[in-house]
């Protein structure tokens, strides 16, 4: 099976999150009801999903922290060409989405200081690495499965739901440069997009095992979102309130950072504001 990455993340997301880092903590170790499908895949079914817009994506080499991780994840996401089978494509997309959470968690475990978030990061990493293996087995089984949706048609119900599952990612706050703060900030919309993807699988998927996994993802990640929000309510702003703030002299959106550097939009040197 060709290991793939998630095709929906190339939607116009103007903020970033994720990076793959090693971790000294424990690494997580990393039935089959066949899907009932309808038609045979046409030769031209593979290709980018309808509505994809690469122009809003930032892959600047100067990005650091969670933003650098997200840039890596988003580049990988662009590589996947949907086959047109809901179960097959969902499994591949969710593998890449989970890997993003694993990489974000690895960065939190390596550089984060907060004990509560580090414990959450370890659990998320363990759980999602296991699910990646399970998803890979299902995706392999479904390689070559007949098509049952149109990834290039924006009016297709599954295509539309998968696209909208990423829209919330555009609304996240700006990264602060503080690993703990950014991990909590970014995992909420990241988890929510996974929940929305899983709901699309429940509505349009055919594979029993995969739909069971999708429901489990919804249940687990809804709980974790609440845990992140509870942490933010107690710690929001406290860990970075005394840090210096650097901003683009031209006022470009998304340039705010707690580290010196260059603006990802106009490449001017960021100026210290506090």
C-alpha atoms as a PDB file:
ATOM      1  CA  UNK A   1       0.000   0.000   0.000  1.00  0.00           C
ATOM      2  CA  UNK A   2       1.203   3.412  -0.822  1.00  0.00           C
ATOM      3  CA  UNK A   3       1.414   5.388   2.403  1.00  0.00           C
ATOM      4  CA  UNK A   4      -0.360   8.603   1.854  1.00  0.00           C
ATOM      5  CA  UNK A   5      -1.185  11.838   3.437  1.00  0.00           C
ATOM      6  CA  UNK A   6      -4.278  13.772   3.839  1.00  0.00           C
ATOM      7  CA  UNK A   7      -5.702  15.478   0.772  1.00  0.00           C
ATOM      8  CA  UNK A   8      -8.042  17.927   2.467  1.00  0.00           C
ATOM      9  CA  UNK A   9      -5.493  19.904   4.402  1.00  0.00           C
ATOM     10  CA  UNK A  10      -4.524  21.854   1.353  1.00  0.00           C
ATOM     11  CA  UNK A  11      -7.606  23.993   1.869  1.00  0.00           C
ATOM     12  CA  UNK A  12      -6.842  27.687   2.393  1.00  0.00           C
ATOM     13  CA  UNK A  13      -5.556  27.547   5.963  1.00  0.00           C
ATOM     14  CA  UNK A  14      -3.667  30.700   6.765  1.00  0.00           C
ATOM     15  CA  UNK A  15      -2.299  29.730  10.154  1.00  0.00           C
ATOM     16  CA  UNK A  16      -0.017  26.862  11.028  1.00  0.00           C
ATOM     17  CA  UNK A  17       0.677  24.327  13.629  1.00  0.00           C
ATOM     18  CA  UNK A  18       2.763  21.044  13.669  1.00  0.00           C
ATOM     19  CA  UNK A  19       6.564  19.476  13.582  1.00  0.00           C
ATOM     20  CA  UNK A  20       7.973  16.046  14.003  1.00  0.00           C
ATOM     21  CA  UNK A  21      10.289  15.739  16.958  1.00  0.00           C
ATOM     22  CA  UNK A  22      11.772  12.798  18.773  1.00  0.00           C
ATOM     23  CA  UNK A  23      10.883  12.154  22.383  1.00  0.00           C
ATOM     24  CA  UNK A  24      12.664  10.600  25.295  1.00  0.00           C
ATOM     25  CA  UNK A  25       9.394   9.530  26.853  1.00  0.00           C
ATOM     26  CA  UNK A  26       7.841   6.167  26.058  1.00  0.00           C
ATOM     27  CA  UNK A  27       6.917   5.811  22.410  1.00  0.00           C
ATOM     28  CA  UNK A  28       3.597   4.247  21.686  1.00  0.00           C
ATOM     29  CA  UNK A  29       3.502   1.015  19.704  1.00  0.00           C
ATOM     30  CA  UNK A  30       3.035   2.423  16.816  1.00  0.00           C
ATOM     31  CA  UNK A  31     -13.356  -8.120  11.762  1.00  0.00           C
ATOM     32  CA  UNK A  32     -12.865  -6.883   8.633  1.00  0.00           C
ATOM     33  CA  UNK A  33     -16.240  -6.156   7.151  1.00  0.00           C
ATOM     34  CA  UNK A  34     -15.738  -5.368   3.492  1.00  0.00           C
ATOM     35  CA  UNK A  35     -17.271  -2.178   2.213  1.00  0.00           C
ATOM     36  CA  UNK A  36     -20.249  -2.447  -0.105  1.00  0.00           C
ATOM     37  CA  UNK A  37     -19.641  -0.101  -2.998  1.00  0.00           C
ATOM     38  CA  UNK A  38     -21.370   0.716  -6.236  1.00  0.00           C
ATOM     39  CA  UNK A  39     -19.380   1.614  -9.320  1.00  0.00           C
ATOM     40  CA  UNK A  40     -15.993   0.988 -10.824  1.00  0.00           C
ATOM     41  CA  UNK A  41     -13.398   3.755 -10.575  1.00  0.00           C
ATOM     42  CA  UNK A  42     -13.008   5.718 -13.791  1.00  0.00           C
ATOM     43  CA  UNK A  43      -9.482   6.191 -15.073  1.00  0.00           C
ATOM     44  CA  UNK A  44      -9.516   9.896 -14.234  1.00  0.00           C
ATOM     45  CA  UNK A  45     -10.997   9.617 -10.744  1.00  0.00           C
ATOM     46  CA  UNK A  46      -7.702  10.304  -9.000  1.00  0.00           C
ATOM     47  CA  UNK A  47      -6.783  13.911  -8.509  1.00  0.00           C
ATOM     48  CA  UNK A  48      -7.127  16.853  -6.211  1.00  0.00           C
ATOM     49  CA  UNK A  49     -10.322  17.264  -4.290  1.00  0.00           C
ATOM     50  CA  UNK A  50     -12.771  19.903  -5.442  1.00  0.00           C
ATOM     51  CA  UNK A  51     -12.274  23.268  -3.810  1.00  0.00           C
ATOM     52  CA  UNK A  52      -8.613  22.787  -2.892  1.00  0.00           C
ATOM     53  CA  UNK A  53      -6.670  26.063  -2.878  1.00  0.00           C
ATOM     54  CA  UNK A  54      -2.932  25.838  -2.309  1.00  0.00           C
ATOM     55  CA  UNK A  55      -2.392  29.594  -2.474  1.00  0.00           C
ATOM     56  CA  UNK A  56      -3.272  30.160   1.167  1.00  0.00           C
ATOM     57  CA  UNK A  57      -0.791  27.646   2.485  1.00  0.00           C
ATOM     58  CA  UNK A  58       2.455  28.800   4.107  1.00  0.00           C
ATOM     59  CA  UNK A  59       5.545  26.688   3.692  1.00  0.00           C
ATOM     60  CA  UNK A  60       8.147  29.294   4.603  1.00  0.00           C
ATOM     61  CA  UNK A  61      11.477  27.872   5.700  1.00  0.00           C
ATOM     62  CA  UNK A  62      11.728  30.346   8.581  1.00  0.00           C
ATOM     63  CA  UNK A  63       8.716  28.885  10.402  1.00  0.00           C
ATOM     64  CA  UNK A  64       9.471  27.313  13.770  1.00  0.00           C
ATOM     65  CA  UNK A  65       7.732  25.406  16.531  1.00  0.00           C
ATOM     66  CA  UNK A  66       4.194  24.225  15.942  1.00  0.00           C
ATOM     67  CA  UNK A  67       3.940  26.220  12.709  1.00  0.00           C
ATOM     68  CA  UNK A  68       6.896  24.338  11.224  1.00  0.00           C
ATOM     69  CA  UNK A  69       5.239  21.055  12.161  1.00  0.00           C
ATOM     70  CA  UNK A  70       2.009  22.116  10.454  1.00  0.00           C
ATOM     71  CA  UNK A  71       3.851  23.179   7.330  1.00  0.00           C
ATOM     72  CA  UNK A  72       5.422  19.722   7.107  1.00  0.00           C
ATOM     73  CA  UNK A  73       2.053  18.069   7.670  1.00  0.00           C
ATOM     74  CA  UNK A  74       0.362  20.217   5.038  1.00  0.00           C
ATOM     75  CA  UNK A  75       3.035  19.457   2.434  1.00  0.00           C
ATOM     76  CA  UNK A  76       2.458  15.751   3.057  1.00  0.00           C
ATOM     77  CA  UNK A  77      -1.300  16.215   2.800  1.00  0.00           C
ATOM     78  CA  UNK A  78      -0.980  17.618  -0.705  1.00  0.00           C
ATOM     79  CA  UNK A  79       0.658  14.402  -1.908  1.00  0.00           C
ATOM     80  CA  UNK A  80      -2.413  12.201  -1.572  1.00  0.00           C
ATOM     81  CA  UNK A  81      -4.680  11.697  -4.584  1.00  0.00           C
ATOM     82  CA  UNK A  82      -8.178  10.523  -3.574  1.00  0.00           C
ATOM     83  CA  UNK A  83      -9.307   7.272  -5.168  1.00  0.00           C
ATOM     84  CA  UNK A  84     -13.024   8.008  -4.963  1.00  0.00           C
ATOM     85  CA  UNK A  85     -13.973   5.392  -2.366  1.00  0.00           C
ATOM     86  CA  UNK A  86     -15.212   6.963   0.889  1.00  0.00           C
ATOM     87  CA  UNK A  87     -13.786   4.339   3.236  1.00  0.00           C
ATOM     88  CA  UNK A  88     -10.423   4.044   1.489  1.00  0.00           C
ATOM     89  CA  UNK A  89      -9.933   7.805   1.279  1.00  0.00           C
ATOM     90  CA  UNK A  90     -11.147   8.464   4.827  1.00  0.00           C
ATOM     91  CA  UNK A  91      -8.653   5.908   6.177  1.00  0.00           C
ATOM     92  CA  UNK A  92      -5.784   7.574   4.309  1.00  0.00           C
ATOM     93  CA  UNK A  93      -6.844  11.075   5.305  1.00  0.00           C
ATOM     94  CA  UNK A  94      -7.229  10.153   8.944  1.00  0.00           C
ATOM     95  CA  UNK A  95      -3.821   8.476   9.019  1.00  0.00           C
ATOM     96  CA  UNK A  96      -2.216  11.764   7.969  1.00  0.00           C
ATOM     97  CA  UNK A  97      -4.409  13.742  10.325  1.00  0.00           C
ATOM     98  CA  UNK A  98      -3.476  11.475  13.234  1.00  0.00           C
ATOM     99  CA  UNK A  99       0.213  11.762  12.316  1.00  0.00           C
ATOM    100  CA  UNK A 100      -0.120  15.514  12.683  1.00  0.00           C
ATOM    101  CA  UNK A 101      -1.410  15.067  16.231  1.00  0.00           C
ATOM    102  CA  UNK A 102       1.396  12.599  16.976  1.00  0.00           C
ATOM    103  CA  UNK A 103       4.010  15.075  15.743  1.00  0.00           C
ATOM    104  CA  UNK A 104       2.468  17.967  17.657  1.00  0.00           C
ATOM    105  CA  UNK A 105       2.406  15.810  20.763  1.00  0.00           C
ATOM    106  CA  UNK A 106       6.053  14.850  20.232  1.00  0.00           C
ATOM    107  CA  UNK A 107       6.986  18.532  20.223  1.00  0.00           C
ATOM    108  CA  UNK A 108       4.995  19.095  23.418  1.00  0.00           C
ATOM    109  CA  UNK A 109       6.720  16.148  25.073  1.00  0.00           C
ATOM    110  CA  UNK A 110      10.149  17.392  23.997  1.00  0.00           C
ATOM    111  CA  UNK A 111       9.799  21.096  24.803  1.00  0.00           C
ATOM    112  CA  UNK A 112       6.615  21.586  26.822  1.00  0.00           C
ATOM    113  CA  UNK A 113       6.754  22.279  30.559  1.00  0.00           C
ATOM    114  CA  UNK A 114       3.183  21.777  31.768  1.00  0.00           C
ATOM    115  CA  UNK A 115       2.618  18.380  33.413  1.00  0.00           C
ATOM    116  CA  UNK A 116      -1.076  18.188  32.494  1.00  0.00           C
ATOM    117  CA  UNK A 117      -0.438  18.876  28.812  1.00  0.00           C
ATOM    118  CA  UNK A 118       2.501  16.500  28.698  1.00  0.00           C
ATOM    119  CA  UNK A 119       0.319  13.721  30.091  1.00  0.00           C
ATOM    120  CA  UNK A 120      -2.339  14.482  27.496  1.00  0.00           C
ATOM    121  CA  UNK A 121       0.285  14.546  24.749  1.00  0.00           C
ATOM    122  CA  UNK A 122       1.568  11.110  25.731  1.00  0.00           C
ATOM    123  CA  UNK A 123      -1.931   9.616  25.744  1.00  0.00           C
ATOM    124  CA  UNK A 124      -2.858  11.210  22.414  1.00  0.00           C
ATOM    125  CA  UNK A 125       0.382   9.981  20.860  1.00  0.00           C
ATOM    126  CA  UNK A 126      -0.126   6.430  22.154  1.00  0.00           C
ATOM    127  CA  UNK A 127      -3.779   6.248  21.113  1.00  0.00           C
ATOM    128  CA  UNK A 128      -3.341   7.728  17.677  1.00  0.00           C
ATOM    129  CA  UNK A 129      -0.239   5.739  16.756  1.00  0.00           C
ATOM    130  CA  UNK A 130      -2.233   2.588  17.475  1.00  0.00           C
ATOM    131  CA  UNK A 131      -5.121   3.865  15.379  1.00  0.00           C
ATOM    132  CA  UNK A 132      -2.748   4.721  12.520  1.00  0.00           C
ATOM    133  CA  UNK A 133      -1.739   1.052  12.365  1.00  0.00           C
ATOM    134  CA  UNK A 134      -5.367  -0.055  12.405  1.00  0.00           C
ATOM    135  CA  UNK A 135      -6.261   2.479   9.704  1.00  0.00           C
ATOM    136  CA  UNK A 136      -3.338   1.353   7.571  1.00  0.00           C
ATOM    137  CA  UNK A 137      -4.554  -2.230   7.654  1.00  0.00           C
ATOM    138  CA  UNK A 138      -8.036  -1.155   6.592  1.00  0.00           C
ATOM    139  CA  UNK A 139      -6.696   1.132   3.862  1.00  0.00           C
ATOM    140  CA  UNK A 140      -4.598  -1.723   2.481  1.00  0.00           C
ATOM    141  CA  UNK A 141      -7.632  -3.982   2.410  1.00  0.00           C
ATOM    142  CA  UNK A 142      -9.577  -1.323   0.510  1.00  0.00           C
ATOM    143  CA  UNK A 143      -6.915  -0.597  -2.095  1.00  0.00           C
ATOM    144  CA  UNK A 144      -8.651  -0.866  -5.459  1.00  0.00           C
ATOM    145  CA  UNK A 145     -12.149  -0.692  -3.978  1.00  0.00           C
ATOM    146  CA  UNK A 146     -14.835   0.597  -6.376  1.00  0.00           C
ATOM    147  CA  UNK A 147     -15.670   4.279  -6.279  1.00  0.00           C
ATOM    148  CA  UNK A 148     -18.785   5.581  -4.562  1.00  0.00           C
ATOM    149  CA  UNK A 149     -18.235   9.354  -4.490  1.00  0.00           C
ATOM    150  CA  UNK A 150     -16.743  12.100  -6.664  1.00  0.00           C
ATOM    151  CA  UNK A 151     -13.762  13.843  -5.054  1.00  0.00           C
ATOM    152  CA  UNK A 152     -13.613  16.461  -7.824  1.00  0.00           C
ATOM    153  CA  UNK A 153     -17.275  17.428  -7.524  1.00  0.00           C
ATOM    154  CA  UNK A 154     -17.879  20.138  -4.871  1.00  0.00           C
ATOM    155  CA  UNK A 155     -21.570  19.182  -4.802  1.00  0.00           C
ATOM    156  CA  UNK A 156     -20.808  15.587  -3.799  1.00  0.00           C
ATOM    157  CA  UNK A 157     -22.026  15.136  -0.180  1.00  0.00           C
ATOM    158  CA  UNK A 158     -18.887  13.365   1.067  1.00  0.00           C
ATOM    159  CA  UNK A 159     -16.550  15.770  -0.737  1.00  0.00           C
ATOM    160  CA  UNK A 160     -18.452  18.729   0.699  1.00  0.00           C
ATOM    161  CA  UNK A 161     -18.370  17.381   4.261  1.00  0.00           C
ATOM    162  CA  UNK A 162     -14.679  16.553   4.112  1.00  0.00           C
ATOM    163  CA  UNK A 163     -13.874  20.026   2.797  1.00  0.00           C
ATOM    164  CA  UNK A 164     -15.943  21.743   5.469  1.00  0.00           C
ATOM    165  CA  UNK A 165     -14.278  19.604   8.148  1.00  0.00           C
ATOM    166  CA  UNK A 166     -11.144  21.691   7.615  1.00  0.00           C
ATOM    167  CA  UNK A 167     -12.796  25.110   7.562  1.00  0.00           C
ATOM    168  CA  UNK A 168     -12.642  25.493  11.349  1.00  0.00           C
ATOM    169  CA  UNK A 169      -8.865  25.194  11.204  1.00  0.00           C
ATOM    170  CA  UNK A 170      -8.780  28.635   9.624  1.00  0.00           C
ATOM    171  CA  UNK A 171     -10.314  30.210  12.704  1.00  0.00           C
ATOM    172  CA  UNK A 172      -7.686  29.251  15.251  1.00  0.00           C
ATOM    173  CA  UNK A 173      -5.776  31.932  17.109  1.00  0.00           C
ATOM    174  CA  UNK A 174      -2.272  33.041  16.233  1.00  0.00           C
ATOM    175  CA  UNK A 175       0.592  30.922  17.622  1.00  0.00           C
ATOM    176  CA  UNK A 176       2.436  32.551  20.517  1.00  0.00           C
ATOM    177  CA  UNK A 177       5.718  30.663  20.280  1.00  0.00           C
ATOM    178  CA  UNK A 178       5.102  29.119  23.720  1.00  0.00           C
ATOM    179  CA  UNK A 179       4.921  25.358  23.154  1.00  0.00           C
ATOM    180  CA  UNK A 180       2.398  24.653  25.918  1.00  0.00           C
ATOM    181  CA  UNK A 181       0.093  27.495  24.916  1.00  0.00           C
ATOM    182  CA  UNK A 182       0.298  26.633  21.230  1.00  0.00           C
ATOM    183  CA  UNK A 183      -0.274  22.925  21.789  1.00  0.00           C
ATOM    184  CA  UNK A 184      -3.506  23.617  23.675  1.00  0.00           C
ATOM    185  CA  UNK A 185      -4.519  26.333  21.208  1.00  0.00           C
ATOM    186  CA  UNK A 186      -4.018  24.241  18.105  1.00  0.00           C
ATOM    187  CA  UNK A 187      -5.152  20.823  19.230  1.00  0.00           C
ATOM    188  CA  UNK A 188      -8.723  22.074  19.747  1.00  0.00           C
ATOM    189  CA  UNK A 189      -9.415  22.898  16.058  1.00  0.00           C
ATOM    190  CA  UNK A 190      -7.231  19.978  14.964  1.00  0.00           C
ATOM    191  CA  UNK A 191      -9.379  17.572  17.001  1.00  0.00           C
ATOM    192  CA  UNK A 192     -12.586  19.253  15.855  1.00  0.00           C
ATOM    193  CA  UNK A 193     -11.667  18.751  12.205  1.00  0.00           C
ATOM    194  CA  UNK A 194     -11.045  15.053  12.945  1.00  0.00           C
ATOM    195  CA  UNK A 195     -14.466  14.825  14.597  1.00  0.00           C
ATOM    196  CA  UNK A 196     -16.097  16.391  11.536  1.00  0.00           C
ATOM    197  CA  UNK A 197     -14.231  13.982   9.256  1.00  0.00           C
ATOM    198  CA  UNK A 198     -15.369  11.046  11.368  1.00  0.00           C
ATOM    199  CA  UNK A 199     -18.972  12.249  11.145  1.00  0.00           C
ATOM    200  CA  UNK A 200     -18.651  12.317   7.359  1.00  0.00           C
ATOM    201  CA  UNK A 201     -17.456   8.703   7.461  1.00  0.00           C
ATOM    202  CA  UNK A 202     -20.415   7.721   9.637  1.00  0.00           C
ATOM    203  CA  UNK A 203     -22.805   9.369   7.193  1.00  0.00           C
ATOM    204  CA  UNK A 204     -21.288   8.109   3.937  1.00  0.00           C
ATOM    205  CA  UNK A 205     -18.898   5.253   4.721  1.00  0.00           C
ATOM    206  CA  UNK A 206     -19.738   1.587   4.183  1.00  0.00           C
ATOM    207  CA  UNK A 207     -17.082  -0.301   6.123  1.00  0.00           C
ATOM    208  CA  UNK A 208     -18.368  -1.505   9.509  1.00  0.00           C
ATOM    209  CA  UNK A 209     -14.962  -1.619  11.219  1.00  0.00           C
ATOM    210  CA  UNK A 210     -14.020   1.833   9.990  1.00  0.00           C
ATOM    211  CA  UNK A 211     -17.320   3.338  11.100  1.00  0.00           C
ATOM    212  CA  UNK A 212     -16.798   1.834  14.570  1.00  0.00           C
ATOM    213  CA  UNK A 213     -13.383   3.487  14.690  1.00  0.00           C
ATOM    214  CA  UNK A 214     -14.879   6.790  13.533  1.00  0.00           C
ATOM    215  CA  UNK A 215     -17.379   6.759  16.387  1.00  0.00           C
ATOM    216  CA  UNK A 216     -14.594   5.994  18.856  1.00  0.00           C
ATOM    217  CA  UNK A 217     -12.586   8.947  17.520  1.00  0.00           C
ATOM    218  CA  UNK A 218     -15.551  11.251  18.022  1.00  0.00           C
ATOM    219  CA  UNK A 219     -16.087  10.118  21.600  1.00  0.00           C
ATOM    220  CA  UNK A 220     -12.399  10.328  22.583  1.00  0.00           C
ATOM    221  CA  UNK A 221     -11.600  13.628  20.899  1.00  0.00           C
ATOM    222  CA  UNK A 222     -14.684  15.423  22.181  1.00  0.00           C
ATOM    223  CA  UNK A 223     -13.483  14.623  25.714  1.00  0.00           C
ATOM    224  CA  UNK A 224      -9.965  15.801  24.919  1.00  0.00           C
ATOM    225  CA  UNK A 225     -11.227  19.056  23.433  1.00  0.00           C
ATOM    226  CA  UNK A 226     -12.982  19.781  26.710  1.00  0.00           C
ATOM    227  CA  UNK A 227      -9.794  18.970  28.625  1.00  0.00           C
ATOM    228  CA  UNK A 228      -7.821  21.403  26.464  1.00  0.00           C
ATOM    229  CA  UNK A 229     -10.459  24.093  26.961  1.00  0.00           C
ATOM    230  CA  UNK A 230     -10.397  23.537  30.731  1.00  0.00           C
ATOM    231  CA  UNK A 231      -6.622  23.925  30.701  1.00  0.00           C
ATOM    232  CA  UNK A 232      -6.877  27.109  28.652  1.00  0.00           C
ATOM    233  CA  UNK A 233      -9.422  28.539  31.073  1.00  0.00           C
ATOM    234  CA  UNK A 234      -6.933  28.087  33.916  1.00  0.00           C
ATOM    235  CA  UNK A 235      -3.714  28.920  32.100  1.00  0.00           C
ATOM    236  CA  UNK A 236      -4.533  31.094  29.125  1.00  0.00           C
ATOM    237  CA  UNK A 237      -1.998  33.895  28.813  1.00  0.00           C
ATOM    238  CA  UNK A 238      -0.231  33.142  32.102  1.00  0.00           C
ATOM    239  CA  UNK A 239       2.747  31.357  30.613  1.00  0.00           C
ATOM    240  CA  UNK A 240       3.502  33.915  27.927  1.00  0.00           C
ATOM    241  CA  UNK A 241       2.381  37.182  29.486  1.00  0.00           C
ATOM    242  CA  UNK A 242       5.906  38.297  30.333  1.00  0.00           C
ATOM    243  CA  UNK A 243       7.455  37.243  27.041  1.00  0.00           C
ATOM    244  CA  UNK A 244       8.600  39.719  24.432  1.00  0.00           C
ATOM    245  CA  UNK A 245       6.372  40.143  21.408  1.00  0.00           C
ATOM    246  CA  UNK A 246       7.722  40.633  17.890  1.00  0.00           C
ATOM    247  CA  UNK A 247       5.539  41.958  15.070  1.00  0.00           C
ATOM    248  CA  UNK A 248       5.953  42.865  11.425  1.00  0.00           C
ATOM    249  CA  UNK A 249       6.521  46.630  10.956  1.00  0.00           C
ATOM    250  CA  UNK A 250       4.082  46.440   8.016  1.00  0.00           C
ATOM    251  CA  UNK A 251       1.384  44.885  10.180  1.00  0.00           C
ATOM    252  CA  UNK A 252       1.080  41.687   8.129  1.00  0.00           C
ATOM    253  CA  UNK A 253      -1.455  39.217   9.455  1.00  0.00           C
ATOM    254  CA  UNK A 254       0.013  36.172  11.172  1.00  0.00           C
ATOM    255  CA  UNK A 255       3.398  37.767  11.855  1.00  0.00           C
ATOM    256  CA  UNK A 256       3.113  37.975  15.663  1.00  0.00           C
ATOM    257  CA  UNK A 257       5.724  35.889  17.509  1.00  0.00           C
ATOM    258  CA  UNK A 258       7.552  35.755  20.825  1.00  0.00           C
ATOM    259  CA  UNK A 259      10.839  35.162  19.006  1.00  0.00           C
ATOM    260  CA  UNK A 260      12.858  37.379  16.663  1.00  0.00           C
ATOM    261  CA  UNK A 261      12.725  36.472  13.015  1.00  0.00           C
ATOM    262  CA  UNK A 262      11.247  37.479   9.689  1.00  0.00           C
ATOM    263  CA  UNK A 263       7.643  38.053   8.652  1.00  0.00           C
ATOM    264  CA  UNK A 264       6.363  34.958   6.784  1.00  0.00           C
ATOM    265  CA  UNK A 265       4.419  37.232   4.406  1.00  0.00           C
ATOM    266  CA  UNK A 266       6.744  40.123   3.448  1.00  0.00           C
ATOM    267  CA  UNK A 267      10.007  38.786   4.943  1.00  0.00           C
ATOM    268  CA  UNK A 268      10.778  42.012   6.804  1.00  0.00           C
ATOM    269  CA  UNK A 269      12.552  41.669  10.160  1.00  0.00           C
ATOM    270  CA  UNK A 270      10.103  41.474  13.025  1.00  0.00           C
ATOM    271  CA  UNK A 271      10.272  44.330  15.532  1.00  0.00           C
ATOM    272  CA  UNK A 272      10.172  43.905  19.307  1.00  0.00           C
ATOM    273  CA  UNK A 273       6.987  45.413  20.764  1.00  0.00           C
ATOM    274  CA  UNK A 274       7.049  44.326  24.416  1.00  0.00           C
END
